[in-house]
Structure formats: structure tokens, C-alpha cells
C-alpha atoms as a PDB file:
ATOM      1  CA  MET A   1      73.371 101.955 160.454  1.00  0.00           C
ATOM      2  CA  ILE A   2      76.646 100.339 161.934  1.00  0.00           C
ATOM      3  CA  ARG A   3      78.105 102.555 164.523  1.00  0.00           C
ATOM      4  CA  VAL A   4      82.124 102.339 164.783  1.00  0.00           C
ATOM      5  CA  VAL A   5      84.382 103.559 167.389  1.00  0.00           C
ATOM      6  CA  ALA A   6      87.606 103.368 165.768  1.00  0.00           C
ATOM      7  CA  ASP A   7      91.106 103.544 167.790  1.00  0.00           C
ATOM      8  CA  THR A   8      93.665 106.585 167.130  1.00  0.00           C
ATOM      9  CA  ASN A   9      95.723 104.354 165.210  1.00  0.00           C
ATOM     10  CA  VAL A  10      93.116 102.838 162.767  1.00  0.00           C
ATOM     11  CA  LEU A  11      92.031 106.468 162.108  1.00  0.00           C
ATOM     12  CA  ALA A  12      95.446 107.784 161.560  1.00  0.00           C
ATOM     13  CA  SER A  13      96.371 104.584 159.279  1.00  0.00           C
ATOM     14  CA  GLY A  14      93.304 105.192 157.277  1.00  0.00           C
ATOM     15  CA  LEU A  15      94.334 108.775 156.489  1.00  0.00           C
ATOM     16  CA  ALA A  16      97.701 107.881 155.499  1.00  0.00           C
ATOM     17  CA  ALA A  17      96.590 104.947 153.493  1.00  0.00           C
ATOM     18  CA  TYR A  18      93.497 106.904 152.255  1.00  0.00           C
ATOM     19  CA  HIS A  19      94.141 106.008 148.417  1.00  0.00           C
ATOM     20  CA  ALA A  20      95.253 102.602 149.102  1.00  0.00           C
ATOM     21  CA  GLU A  21      91.805 101.120 149.246  1.00  0.00           C
ATOM     22  CA  ALA A  22      93.233  97.533 150.213  1.00  0.00           C
ATOM     23  CA  SER A  23      93.930  98.322 153.856  1.00  0.00           C
ATOM     24  CA  PRO A  24      91.499  97.884 156.465  1.00  0.00           C
ATOM     25  CA  ALA A  25      91.813 101.096 157.820  1.00  0.00           C
ATOM     26  CA  ALA A  26      91.101 102.879 154.561  1.00  0.00           C
ATOM     27  CA  LEU A  27      88.285 100.675 153.879  1.00  0.00           C
ATOM     28  CA  ILE A  28      86.726 101.605 157.321  1.00  0.00           C
ATOM     29  CA  LEU A  29      87.291 105.325 156.285  1.00  0.00           C
ATOM     30  CA  ASN A  30      85.705 104.859 152.801  1.00  0.00           C
ATOM     31  CA  ALA A  31      82.832 103.052 154.394  1.00  0.00           C
ATOM     32  CA  TRP A  32      82.314 106.102 156.676  1.00  0.00           C
ATOM     33  CA  ARG A  33      82.636 108.508 153.521  1.00  0.00           C
ATOM     34  CA  TYR A  34      80.158 106.822 151.701  1.00  0.00           C
ATOM     35  CA  GLY A  35      77.622 106.507 154.651  1.00  0.00           C
ATOM     36  CA  SER A  36      77.806 102.486 155.136  1.00  0.00           C
ATOM     37  CA  LEU A  37      78.870 103.180 158.752  1.00  0.00           C
ATOM     38  CA  GLU A  38      78.850 105.874 161.401  1.00  0.00           C
ATOM     39  CA  LEU A  39      82.047 106.775 163.247  1.00  0.00           C
ATOM     40  CA  VAL A  40      81.890 107.817 166.903  1.00  0.00           C
ATOM     41  CA  ALA A  41      84.447 109.583 168.829  1.00  0.00           C
ATOM     42  CA  SER A  42      84.762 110.548 172.286  1.00  0.00           C
ATOM     43  CA  ALA A  43      86.471 113.969 173.316  1.00  0.00           C
ATOM     44  CA  PRO A  44      89.739 112.124 174.432  1.00  0.00           C
ATOM     45  CA  LEU A  45      89.830 109.987 171.252  1.00  0.00           C
ATOM     46  CA  THR A  46      89.539 113.372 169.308  1.00  0.00           C
ATOM     47  CA  ALA A  47      92.202 115.055 171.271  1.00  0.00           C
ATOM     48  CA  GLU A  48      94.554 111.884 170.761  1.00  0.00           C
ATOM     49  CA  LEU A  49      93.854 111.998 167.221  1.00  0.00           C
ATOM     50  CA  ARG A  50      94.553 115.684 166.921  1.00  0.00           C
ATOM     51  CA  ARG A  51      97.988 115.233 168.702  1.00  0.00           C
ATOM     52  CA  THR A  52      98.871 112.520 166.563  1.00  0.00           C
ATOM     53  CA  LEU A  53      98.241 114.117 163.318  1.00  0.00           C
ATOM     54  CA  ALA A  54      99.896 117.412 164.585  1.00  0.00           C
END
């Protein structure tokens, strides 16, 4: 399985454009959702994402 470490901007953009399946960020999240890849995150990346989405 492909393991991906996505930047916070990619994850936030993917969440914002989740239903616009044409965006590359949304495609990454959809691939994760359907089990085509594994998203890998560190504690600092997760904290940054939480701050970004708050």
C-alpha cells in the first residue's frame, strides 16, 4: 500500500473541496477514504492541522 505524508495545506484544501472531486487534494482524500493509500501523520502535523481548521 502507498503511504502518503500530506502537507497541512493539502489536507485542508482537500477537506474544503471534498465534493469537488477534480481537485488533486480531494483526489488524495478520496483515495485514502476508499483504501487506495494510507495517510501518515506526525504529532506536529496533526497539531498544525487542528490549528488550521479551528
